[in-house]
Amino acid sequence: MKIVETIAEVREQVKQWKKEGLTVALVPTMGYLHEGHRSLMERARKENDRVVVSVFVNPTQFGPNEDLASYPRDLEHDAALCDSVGVDLIFHPAPEEMYPKGFCSFVDMDVLTKELCGLSRPVHFRGVCTVVSKLFHIVTPDRAYFGEKDAQQLAVIKRMVLDLNLDIEIVGCPIVREADGLAKSSRNTYLSPEERKAALVLSRSIFAGKKLAESGETDAHKLVQAMTDIISAEPLAHIDYVKVVDLLTMQQIDKLDRPFLAAIAVYIGKTRLIDNFMVQAGGAGA
């Protein structure tokens, strides 16, 4: 496994692989890798000849008061995990490699980015679309792998690929959870023991909402209320949003009569965590 820091090195290696007729996968990450990332890499390893993992804490997707400076970083740990899965190349650029002096071009999106995380983090998806677009052009992968925990991000990337006619297959992979239900996240390391226990309110809310939908409930507002009530009962939890949206457009819906996403963002102390569940076909009770 190689670790490279420049765009030129990535392009040179990928061109060589493609000359050999090999398929190339990309797993974009911000590092501090956990079992959720491992699941993406393992799937990429299984379905492709070569696997590239990017490790880059992307400054353009963080707002002024967000955790860019404190976001956890540990390249040695990340490299060991990647090596254990059989990753071929880690791309670990410096911010100035990705955003040289004078950089002023961004990829922006309407509609899908105006709800959920896009409302509370207004610059976030412009940064995500820009960096992922750059990574796609640098690596030119056949497939790219993203976690369903960031469900809105996954929908946004799929839409960007469709709208911009990018010849890349986007693969969504299921949420990986801790034994007690908490969705794996690099930000879980911010939690104190008391906050870690309180954070279980997210998965409890998600599991309850999913059970209600599976029982045949078709009123989105009742689903939201049931999930909100569970979270509100936890003193350390502060709700950013609890919403049910159309799975394709990310717009709020009243009836569970189509594929939908039930998504939550909750602050546990100062740490913002997200979780969700999706119903892919037909809607609840269909």
C-alpha atoms as a PDB file:
ATOM      1  CA  MET A   1       0.000   0.000   0.000  1.00  0.00           C
ATOM      2  CA  LYS A   2       1.239   3.468  -0.923  1.00  0.00           C
ATOM      3  CA  ILE A   3       0.475   6.810   0.748  1.00  0.00           C
ATOM      4  CA  VAL A   4       0.765   9.802  -1.585  1.00  0.00           C
ATOM      5  CA  GLU A   5       0.192  13.504  -1.013  1.00  0.00           C
ATOM      6  CA  THR A   6       0.030  14.975  -4.517  1.00  0.00           C
ATOM      7  CA  ILE A   7      -2.570  14.920  -7.268  1.00  0.00           C
ATOM      8  CA  ALA A   8       0.141  14.097  -9.825  1.00  0.00           C
ATOM      9  CA  GLU A   9       1.116  10.901  -7.968  1.00  0.00           C
ATOM     10  CA  VAL A  10      -2.499   9.705  -7.816  1.00  0.00           C
ATOM     11  CA  ARG A  11      -3.046  10.361 -11.510  1.00  0.00           C
ATOM     12  CA  GLU A  12       0.155   8.599 -12.499  1.00  0.00           C
ATOM     13  CA  GLN A  13      -0.766   5.474 -10.513  1.00  0.00           C
ATOM     14  CA  VAL A  14      -4.389   5.341 -11.687  1.00  0.00           C
ATOM     15  CA  LYS A  15      -3.353   5.785 -15.332  1.00  0.00           C
ATOM     16  CA  GLN A  16      -1.053   2.781 -14.964  1.00  0.00           C
ATOM     17  CA  TRP A  17      -3.856   0.662 -13.478  1.00  0.00           C
ATOM     18  CA  LYS A  18      -6.239   1.657 -16.235  1.00  0.00           C
ATOM     19  CA  LYS A  19      -3.668   0.794 -18.894  1.00  0.00           C
ATOM     20  CA  GLU A  20      -3.699  -2.697 -17.380  1.00  0.00           C
ATOM     21  CA  GLY A  21      -7.493  -2.818 -17.717  1.00  0.00           C
ATOM     22  CA  LEU A  22      -8.089  -2.759 -13.942  1.00  0.00           C
ATOM     23  CA  THR A  23     -11.177  -1.325 -12.251  1.00  0.00           C
ATOM     24  CA  VAL A  24     -10.634   1.388  -9.639  1.00  0.00           C
ATOM     25  CA  ALA A  25     -12.737   2.214  -6.561  1.00  0.00           C
ATOM     26  CA  LEU A  26     -12.675   5.364  -4.449  1.00  0.00           C
ATOM     27  CA  VAL A  27     -13.676   5.619  -0.788  1.00  0.00           C
ATOM     28  CA  PRO A  28     -13.659   9.326   0.149  1.00  0.00           C
ATOM     29  CA  THR A  29     -13.116   9.919   3.886  1.00  0.00           C
ATOM     30  CA  MET A  30     -12.090  12.630   6.328  1.00  0.00           C
ATOM     31  CA  GLY A  31      -9.963  10.119   8.202  1.00  0.00           C
ATOM     32  CA  TYR A  32     -10.094   8.925  11.811  1.00  0.00           C
ATOM     33  CA  LEU A  33     -11.431   5.725  10.316  1.00  0.00           C
ATOM     34  CA  HIS A  34     -13.766   3.327  12.149  1.00  0.00           C
ATOM     35  CA  GLU A  35     -15.745   0.154  11.414  1.00  0.00           C
ATOM     36  CA  GLY A  36     -18.202   2.083   9.246  1.00  0.00           C
ATOM     37  CA  HIS A  37     -15.353   3.120   6.957  1.00  0.00           C
ATOM     38  CA  ARG A  38     -13.993  -0.441   7.060  1.00  0.00           C
ATOM     39  CA  SER A  39     -17.318  -1.727   5.698  1.00  0.00           C
ATOM     40  CA  LEU A  40     -17.044   0.667   2.732  1.00  0.00           C
ATOM     41  CA  MET A  41     -13.463  -0.366   2.035  1.00  0.00           C
ATOM     42  CA  GLU A  42     -14.240  -4.075   2.300  1.00  0.00           C
ATOM     43  CA  ARG A  43     -17.068  -3.730  -0.198  1.00  0.00           C
ATOM     44  CA  ALA A  44     -14.854  -1.698  -2.519  1.00  0.00           C
ATOM     45  CA  ARG A  45     -12.126  -4.358  -2.192  1.00  0.00           C
ATOM     46  CA  LYS A  46     -14.609  -7.115  -3.063  1.00  0.00           C
ATOM     47  CA  GLU A  47     -16.035  -5.373  -6.138  1.00  0.00           C
ATOM     48  CA  ASN A  48     -12.925  -3.793  -7.730  1.00  0.00           C
ATOM     49  CA  ASP A  49      -9.333  -4.562  -8.736  1.00  0.00           C
ATOM     50  CA  ARG A  50      -7.812  -1.529  -7.002  1.00  0.00           C
ATOM     51  CA  VAL A  51      -8.987   0.618  -4.076  1.00  0.00           C
ATOM     52  CA  VAL A  52      -8.082   4.250  -3.371  1.00  0.00           C
ATOM     53  CA  VAL A  53      -8.993   5.837  -0.024  1.00  0.00           C
ATOM     54  CA  SER A  54      -8.782   9.611   0.329  1.00  0.00           C
ATOM     55  CA  VAL A  55      -8.021  10.929   3.818  1.00  0.00           C
ATOM     56  CA  PHE A  56      -8.692  14.666   3.786  1.00  0.00           C
ATOM     57  CA  VAL A  57     -10.413  16.895   6.337  1.00  0.00           C
ATOM     58  CA  ASN A  58     -12.057  19.204   3.837  1.00  0.00           C
ATOM     59  CA  PRO A  59     -12.063  22.818   5.094  1.00  0.00           C
ATOM     60  CA  THR A  60     -14.701  24.069   2.640  1.00  0.00           C
ATOM     61  CA  GLN A  61     -17.492  21.982   4.190  1.00  0.00           C
ATOM     62  CA  PHE A  62     -17.030  23.440   7.676  1.00  0.00           C
ATOM     63  CA  GLY A  63     -18.761  26.643   8.778  1.00  0.00           C
ATOM     64  CA  PRO A  64     -16.966  29.372  10.778  1.00  0.00           C
ATOM     65  CA  ASN A  65     -18.009  28.018  14.207  1.00  0.00           C
ATOM     66  CA  GLU A  66     -17.721  24.300  13.430  1.00  0.00           C
ATOM     67  CA  ASP A  67     -15.102  21.752  14.466  1.00  0.00           C
ATOM     68  CA  LEU A  68     -12.528  21.949  11.652  1.00  0.00           C
ATOM     69  CA  ALA A  69      -9.568  22.585  13.974  1.00  0.00           C
ATOM     70  CA  SER A  70     -10.587  19.938  16.510  1.00  0.00           C
ATOM     71  CA  TYR A  71     -11.772  17.252  14.047  1.00  0.00           C
ATOM     72  CA  PRO A  72      -9.890  14.065  15.055  1.00  0.00           C
ATOM     73  CA  ARG A  73      -6.912  13.069  12.917  1.00  0.00           C
ATOM     74  CA  ASP A  74      -4.673   9.982  13.120  1.00  0.00           C
ATOM     75  CA  LEU A  75      -3.044   8.998   9.830  1.00  0.00           C
ATOM     76  CA  GLU A  76      -1.022   6.167  11.402  1.00  0.00           C
ATOM     77  CA  HIS A  77      -4.216   4.518  12.664  1.00  0.00           C
ATOM     78  CA  ASP A  78      -5.974   5.149   9.335  1.00  0.00           C
ATOM     79  CA  ALA A  79      -3.101   3.634   7.344  1.00  0.00           C
ATOM     80  CA  ALA A  80      -3.066   0.505   9.518  1.00  0.00           C
ATOM     81  CA  LEU A  81      -6.813   0.006   9.034  1.00  0.00           C
ATOM     82  CA  CYS A  82      -6.571   0.566   5.268  1.00  0.00           C
ATOM     83  CA  ASP A  83      -3.646  -1.843   5.000  1.00  0.00           C
ATOM     84  CA  SER A  84      -5.555  -4.529   6.914  1.00  0.00           C
ATOM     85  CA  VAL A  85      -8.391  -4.367   4.380  1.00  0.00           C
ATOM     86  CA  GLY A  86      -6.086  -4.445   1.356  1.00  0.00           C
ATOM     87  CA  VAL A  87      -6.367  -0.826   0.207  1.00  0.00           C
ATOM     88  CA  ASP A  88      -3.871  -0.080  -2.579  1.00  0.00           C
ATOM     89  CA  LEU A  89      -3.439   3.685  -2.271  1.00  0.00           C
ATOM     90  CA  ILE A  90      -4.148   6.394   0.318  1.00  0.00           C
ATOM     91  CA  PHE A  91      -4.421   9.943  -1.014  1.00  0.00           C
ATOM     92  CA  HIS A  92      -3.614  12.315   1.850  1.00  0.00           C
ATOM     93  CA  PRO A  93      -3.284  15.819   0.426  1.00  0.00           C
ATOM     94  CA  ALA A  94      -2.603  19.046   2.284  1.00  0.00           C
ATOM     95  CA  PRO A  95      -5.355  21.692   2.040  1.00  0.00           C
ATOM     96  CA  GLU A  96      -3.174  23.798  -0.281  1.00  0.00           C
ATOM     97  CA  GLU A  97      -2.812  20.836  -2.675  1.00  0.00           C
ATOM     98  CA  MET A  98      -6.596  20.683  -3.079  1.00  0.00           C
ATOM     99  CA  TYR A  99      -7.214  24.430  -2.801  1.00  0.00           C
ATOM    100  CA  PRO A 100      -4.214  26.326  -4.180  1.00  0.00           C
ATOM    101  CA  LYS A 101      -3.869  30.080  -3.759  1.00  0.00           C
ATOM    102  CA  GLY A 102      -6.584  31.920  -5.690  1.00  0.00           C
ATOM    103  CA  PHE A 103      -8.993  28.971  -5.729  1.00  0.00           C
ATOM    104  CA  CYS A 104     -12.479  30.329  -6.520  1.00  0.00           C
ATOM    105  CA  SER A 105     -14.479  27.595  -8.314  1.00  0.00           C
ATOM    106  CA  PHE A 106     -17.185  25.674  -6.462  1.00  0.00           C
ATOM    107  CA  VAL A 107     -19.838  23.074  -7.261  1.00  0.00           C
ATOM    108  CA  ASP A 108     -23.190  24.171  -5.866  1.00  0.00           C
ATOM    109  CA  MET A 109     -26.579  22.473  -5.837  1.00  0.00           C
ATOM    110  CA  ASP A 110     -30.154  23.622  -5.297  1.00  0.00           C
ATOM    111  CA  VAL A 111     -33.237  21.778  -3.905  1.00  0.00           C
ATOM    112  CA  LEU A 112     -31.612  18.706  -2.271  1.00  0.00           C
ATOM    113  CA  THR A 113     -29.232  20.857  -0.216  1.00  0.00           C
ATOM    114  CA  LYS A 114     -31.882  23.233   1.146  1.00  0.00           C
ATOM    115  CA  GLU A 115     -33.261  20.830   3.770  1.00  0.00           C
ATOM    116  CA  LEU A 116     -31.953  18.869   6.772  1.00  0.00           C
ATOM    117  CA  CYS A 117     -28.196  19.455   7.261  1.00  0.00           C
ATOM    118  CA  GLY A 118     -28.217  22.050   4.494  1.00  0.00           C
ATOM    119  CA  LEU A 119     -30.450  24.313   6.585  1.00  0.00           C
ATOM    120  CA  SER A 120     -28.304  24.303   9.721  1.00  0.00           C
ATOM    121  CA  ARG A 121     -24.969  24.080   7.863  1.00  0.00           C
ATOM    122  CA  PRO A 122     -25.442  26.430   4.886  1.00  0.00           C
ATOM    123  CA  VAL A 123     -21.934  26.083   3.348  1.00  0.00           C
ATOM    124  CA  HIS A 124     -21.654  22.354   4.004  1.00  0.00           C
ATOM    125  CA  PHE A 125     -22.907  20.811   0.781  1.00  0.00           C
ATOM    126  CA  ARG A 126     -21.172  23.317  -1.464  1.00  0.00           C
ATOM    127  CA  GLY A 127     -17.952  22.128   0.169  1.00  0.00           C
ATOM    128  CA  VAL A 128     -18.939  18.463  -0.111  1.00  0.00           C
ATOM    129  CA  CYS A 129     -19.900  18.710  -3.790  1.00  0.00           C
ATOM    130  CA  THR A 130     -16.743  20.642  -4.603  1.00  0.00           C
ATOM    131  CA  VAL A 131     -14.300  18.282  -2.893  1.00  0.00           C
ATOM    132  CA  VAL A 132     -16.029  15.103  -4.091  1.00  0.00           C
ATOM    133  CA  SER A 133     -16.141  16.455  -7.644  1.00  0.00           C
ATOM    134  CA  LYS A 134     -12.408  17.219  -7.418  1.00  0.00           C
ATOM    135  CA  LEU A 135     -11.677  13.724  -6.068  1.00  0.00           C
ATOM    136  CA  PHE A 136     -13.694  12.169  -8.894  1.00  0.00           C
ATOM    137  CA  HIS A 137     -11.651  14.114 -11.465  1.00  0.00           C
ATOM    138  CA  ILE A 138      -8.347  13.278  -9.757  1.00  0.00           C
ATOM    139  CA  VAL A 139      -8.963   9.543  -9.203  1.00  0.00           C
ATOM    140  CA  THR A 140     -11.385   8.853 -12.118  1.00  0.00           C
ATOM    141  CA  PRO A 141     -12.862   5.835 -10.291  1.00  0.00           C
ATOM    142  CA  ASP A 142     -15.286   3.346 -11.782  1.00  0.00           C
ATOM    143  CA  ARG A 143     -17.168   3.214  -8.471  1.00  0.00           C
ATOM    144  CA  ALA A 144     -17.254   5.366  -5.342  1.00  0.00           C
ATOM    145  CA  TYR A 145     -18.508   4.220  -1.930  1.00  0.00           C
ATOM    146  CA  PHE A 146     -20.443   6.282   0.626  1.00  0.00           C
ATOM    147  CA  GLY A 147     -22.179   5.420   3.899  1.00  0.00           C
ATOM    148  CA  GLU A 148     -25.944   5.617   4.285  1.00  0.00           C
ATOM    149  CA  LYS A 149     -25.487   7.283   7.687  1.00  0.00           C
ATOM    150  CA  ASP A 150     -24.895  10.488   5.726  1.00  0.00           C
ATOM    151  CA  ALA A 151     -28.073   9.850   3.737  1.00  0.00           C
ATOM    152  CA  GLN A 152     -28.522  13.403   2.482  1.00  0.00           C
ATOM    153  CA  GLN A 153     -24.900  13.487   1.339  1.00  0.00           C
ATOM    154  CA  LEU A 154     -25.433  10.210  -0.522  1.00  0.00           C
ATOM    155  CA  ALA A 155     -28.529  11.617  -2.267  1.00  0.00           C
ATOM    156  CA  VAL A 156     -26.678  14.831  -3.141  1.00  0.00           C
ATOM    157  CA  ILE A 157     -23.687  12.948  -4.611  1.00  0.00           C
ATOM    158  CA  LYS A 158     -25.965  10.683  -6.669  1.00  0.00           C
ATOM    159  CA  ARG A 159     -27.774  13.755  -8.011  1.00  0.00           C
ATOM    160  CA  MET A 160     -24.516  15.550  -8.818  1.00  0.00           C
ATOM    161  CA  VAL A 161     -23.231  12.529 -10.753  1.00  0.00           C
ATOM    162  CA  LEU A 162     -26.501  12.355 -12.698  1.00  0.00           C
ATOM    163  CA  ASP A 163     -26.711  16.091 -13.390  1.00  0.00           C
ATOM    164  CA  LEU A 164     -23.057  16.466 -14.428  1.00  0.00           C
ATOM    165  CA  ASN A 165     -22.985  13.254 -16.519  1.00  0.00           C
ATOM    166  CA  LEU A 166     -20.128  11.739 -14.527  1.00  0.00           C
ATOM    167  CA  ASP A 167     -19.351   8.158 -15.534  1.00  0.00           C
ATOM    168  CA  ILE A 168     -19.122   6.820 -11.980  1.00  0.00           C
ATOM    169  CA  GLU A 169     -21.289   4.296 -10.127  1.00  0.00           C
ATOM    170  CA  ILE A 170     -22.204   5.545  -6.647  1.00  0.00           C
ATOM    171  CA  VAL A 171     -22.595   2.747  -4.101  1.00  0.00           C
ATOM    172  CA  GLY A 172     -24.393   3.340  -0.782  1.00  0.00           C
ATOM    173  CA  CYS A 173     -23.486   1.061   2.127  1.00  0.00           C
ATOM    174  CA  PRO A 174     -25.563   0.374   5.277  1.00  0.00           C
ATOM    175  CA  ILE A 175     -25.051   2.124   8.619  1.00  0.00           C
ATOM    176  CA  VAL A 176     -22.658   0.325  10.967  1.00  0.00           C
ATOM    177  CA  ARG A 177     -23.612   0.557  14.649  1.00  0.00           C
ATOM    178  CA  GLU A 178     -21.965  -0.038  18.002  1.00  0.00           C
ATOM    179  CA  ALA A 179     -23.243  -3.066  19.962  1.00  0.00           C
ATOM    180  CA  ASP A 180     -25.636  -0.786  21.881  1.00  0.00           C
ATOM    181  CA  GLY A 181     -27.072   0.778  18.716  1.00  0.00           C
ATOM    182  CA  LEU A 182     -25.196   4.086  18.391  1.00  0.00           C
ATOM    183  CA  ALA A 183     -24.229   4.771  14.774  1.00  0.00           C
ATOM    184  CA  LYS A 184     -20.445   4.708  14.266  1.00  0.00           C
ATOM    185  CA  SER A 185     -19.020   8.205  13.830  1.00  0.00           C
ATOM    186  CA  SER A 186     -15.605   9.843  14.138  1.00  0.00           C
ATOM    187  CA  ARG A 187     -17.329  12.478  16.298  1.00  0.00           C
ATOM    188  CA  ASN A 188     -18.331   9.876  18.908  1.00  0.00           C
ATOM    189  CA  THR A 189     -14.831  10.369  20.353  1.00  0.00           C
ATOM    190  CA  TYR A 190     -15.896  13.849  21.513  1.00  0.00           C
ATOM    191  CA  LEU A 191     -18.459  12.383  23.941  1.00  0.00           C
ATOM    192  CA  SER A 192     -17.844  12.112  27.673  1.00  0.00           C
ATOM    193  CA  PRO A 193     -19.015   8.850  29.327  1.00  0.00           C
ATOM    194  CA  GLU A 194     -22.237  10.552  30.422  1.00  0.00           C
ATOM    195  CA  GLU A 195     -22.807  12.006  26.947  1.00  0.00           C
ATOM    196  CA  ARG A 196     -22.010   8.663  25.313  1.00  0.00           C
ATOM    197  CA  LYS A 197     -24.825   7.078  27.337  1.00  0.00           C
ATOM    198  CA  ALA A 198     -27.187   9.958  26.493  1.00  0.00           C
ATOM    199  CA  ALA A 199     -26.355   9.616  22.776  1.00  0.00           C
ATOM    200  CA  LEU A 200     -28.238   6.321  22.669  1.00  0.00           C
ATOM    201  CA  VAL A 201     -31.386   8.435  22.465  1.00  0.00           C
ATOM    202  CA  LEU A 202     -30.642   8.864  18.742  1.00  0.00           C
ATOM    203  CA  SER A 203     -30.768   5.183  17.872  1.00  0.00           C
ATOM    204  CA  ARG A 204     -33.730   4.606  20.231  1.00  0.00           C
ATOM    205  CA  SER A 205     -35.615   7.296  18.358  1.00  0.00           C
ATOM    206  CA  ILE A 206     -34.660   5.840  14.969  1.00  0.00           C
ATOM    207  CA  PHE A 207     -35.605   2.276  15.943  1.00  0.00           C
ATOM    208  CA  ALA A 208     -38.962   3.454  17.345  1.00  0.00           C
ATOM    209  CA  GLY A 209     -39.702   5.467  14.206  1.00  0.00           C
ATOM    210  CA  LYS A 210     -38.837   2.538  11.972  1.00  0.00           C
ATOM    211  CA  LYS A 211     -41.064   0.205  14.000  1.00  0.00           C
ATOM    212  CA  LEU A 212     -43.952   2.681  13.734  1.00  0.00           C
ATOM    213  CA  ALA A 213     -43.515   2.961   9.956  1.00  0.00           C
ATOM    214  CA  GLU A 214     -43.307  -0.819   9.580  1.00  0.00           C
ATOM    215  CA  SER A 215     -46.533  -1.204  11.569  1.00  0.00           C
ATOM    216  CA  GLY A 216     -48.367   0.703   8.815  1.00  0.00           C
ATOM    217  CA  GLU A 217     -48.366   4.317  10.031  1.00  0.00           C
ATOM    218  CA  THR A 218     -48.727   6.625   7.014  1.00  0.00           C
ATOM    219  CA  ASP A 219     -48.774  10.041   8.716  1.00  0.00           C
ATOM    220  CA  ALA A 220     -45.286  11.572   8.564  1.00  0.00           C
ATOM    221  CA  HIS A 221     -46.136  14.085  11.298  1.00  0.00           C
ATOM    222  CA  LYS A 222     -46.997  11.290  13.761  1.00  0.00           C
ATOM    223  CA  LEU A 223     -43.665   9.653  12.971  1.00  0.00           C
ATOM    224  CA  VAL A 224     -41.806  12.908  13.602  1.00  0.00           C
ATOM    225  CA  GLN A 225     -43.691  13.520  16.854  1.00  0.00           C
ATOM    226  CA  ALA A 226     -42.995  10.039  18.192  1.00  0.00           C
ATOM    227  CA  MET A 227     -39.270  10.378  17.464  1.00  0.00           C
ATOM    228  CA  THR A 228     -39.144  13.924  18.862  1.00  0.00           C
ATOM    229  CA  ASP A 229     -40.795  12.851  22.114  1.00  0.00           C
ATOM    230  CA  ILE A 230     -38.114  10.200  22.712  1.00  0.00           C
ATOM    231  CA  ILE A 231     -35.230  12.608  22.089  1.00  0.00           C
ATOM    232  CA  SER A 232     -36.802  15.424  24.126  1.00  0.00           C
ATOM    233  CA  ALA A 233     -36.926  13.162  27.181  1.00  0.00           C
ATOM    234  CA  GLU A 234     -33.096  13.164  27.342  1.00  0.00           C
ATOM    235  CA  PRO A 235     -31.825  16.257  29.239  1.00  0.00           C
ATOM    236  CA  LEU A 236     -28.436  16.313  27.474  1.00  0.00           C
ATOM    237  CA  ALA A 237     -30.017  16.227  23.991  1.00  0.00           C
ATOM    238  CA  HIS A 238     -30.795  19.331  21.956  1.00  0.00           C
ATOM    239  CA  ILE A 239     -32.624  18.743  18.664  1.00  0.00           C
ATOM    240  CA  ASP A 240     -31.342  20.340  15.471  1.00  0.00           C
ATOM    241  CA  TYR A 241     -34.001  18.615  13.352  1.00  0.00           C
ATOM    242  CA  VAL A 242     -36.280  15.593  13.178  1.00  0.00           C
ATOM    243  CA  LYS A 243     -37.782  15.335   9.694  1.00  0.00           C
ATOM    244  CA  VAL A 244     -39.261  12.966   7.156  1.00  0.00           C
ATOM    245  CA  VAL A 245     -38.395  13.747   3.544  1.00  0.00           C
ATOM    246  CA  ASP A 246     -38.816  12.320   0.063  1.00  0.00           C
ATOM    247  CA  LEU A 247     -35.830  10.038  -0.546  1.00  0.00           C
ATOM    248  CA  LEU A 248     -35.084  11.523  -3.973  1.00  0.00           C
ATOM    249  CA  THR A 249     -35.756  15.243  -3.493  1.00  0.00           C
ATOM    250  CA  MET A 250     -35.018  15.625   0.251  1.00  0.00           C
ATOM    251  CA  GLN A 251     -38.203  17.727   0.559  1.00  0.00           C
ATOM    252  CA  GLN A 252     -40.522  17.257   3.550  1.00  0.00           C
ATOM    253  CA  ILE A 253     -43.616  15.112   3.017  1.00  0.00           C
ATOM    254  CA  ASP A 254     -46.901  14.678   4.855  1.00  0.00           C
ATOM    255  CA  LYS A 255     -47.700  11.085   3.894  1.00  0.00           C
ATOM    256  CA  LEU A 256     -45.488   8.005   3.909  1.00  0.00           C
ATOM    257  CA  ASP A 257     -46.700   7.058   0.436  1.00  0.00           C
ATOM    258  CA  ARG A 258     -43.337   6.973  -1.386  1.00  0.00           C
ATOM    259  CA  PRO A 259     -39.698   6.076  -0.677  1.00  0.00           C
ATOM    260  CA  PHE A 260     -38.682   8.278   2.267  1.00  0.00           C
ATOM    261  CA  LEU A 261     -35.913   9.165   4.679  1.00  0.00           C
ATOM    262  CA  ALA A 262     -36.513   9.797   8.378  1.00  0.00           C
ATOM    263  CA  ALA A 263     -33.494  11.789   9.532  1.00  0.00           C
ATOM    264  CA  ILE A 264     -32.381  13.370  12.792  1.00  0.00           C
ATOM    265  CA  ALA A 265     -29.575  15.665  13.899  1.00  0.00           C
ATOM    266  CA  VAL A 266     -29.115  16.060  17.629  1.00  0.00           C
ATOM    267  CA  TYR A 267     -26.577  17.850  19.794  1.00  0.00           C
ATOM    268  CA  ILE A 268     -25.392  15.811  22.759  1.00  0.00           C
ATOM    269  CA  GLY A 269     -23.625  18.495  24.743  1.00  0.00           C
ATOM    270  CA  LYS A 270     -21.599  20.301  22.061  1.00  0.00           C
ATOM    271  CA  THR A 271     -21.345  17.291  19.732  1.00  0.00           C
ATOM    272  CA  ARG A 272     -23.679  17.160  16.733  1.00  0.00           C
ATOM    273  CA  LEU A 273     -24.652  13.607  15.759  1.00  0.00           C
ATOM    274  CA  ILE A 274     -26.879  12.322  12.959  1.00  0.00           C
ATOM    275  CA  ASP A 275     -28.839   9.131  12.331  1.00  0.00           C
ATOM    276  CA  ASN A 276     -31.601   7.953  10.011  1.00  0.00           C
ATOM    277  CA  PHE A 277     -33.592   5.152   8.512  1.00  0.00           C
ATOM    278  CA  MET A 278     -34.870   4.801   4.958  1.00  0.00           C
ATOM    279  CA  VAL A 279     -37.790   3.059   3.365  1.00  0.00           C
ATOM    280  CA  GLN A 280     -36.676   2.460  -0.204  1.00  0.00           C
ATOM    281  CA  ALA A 281     -39.740   1.090  -1.973  1.00  0.00           C
ATOM    282  CA  GLY A 282     -43.321   2.256  -1.976  1.00  0.00           C
ATOM    283  CA  GLY A 283     -43.449   3.840   1.456  1.00  0.00           C
ATOM    284  CA  ALA A 284     -44.748   2.512   4.771  1.00  0.00           C
ATOM    285  CA  GLY A 285     -47.645   0.132   4.627  1.00  0.00           C
ATOM    286  CA  ALA A 286     -47.276  -0.308   0.858  1.00  0.00           C
END
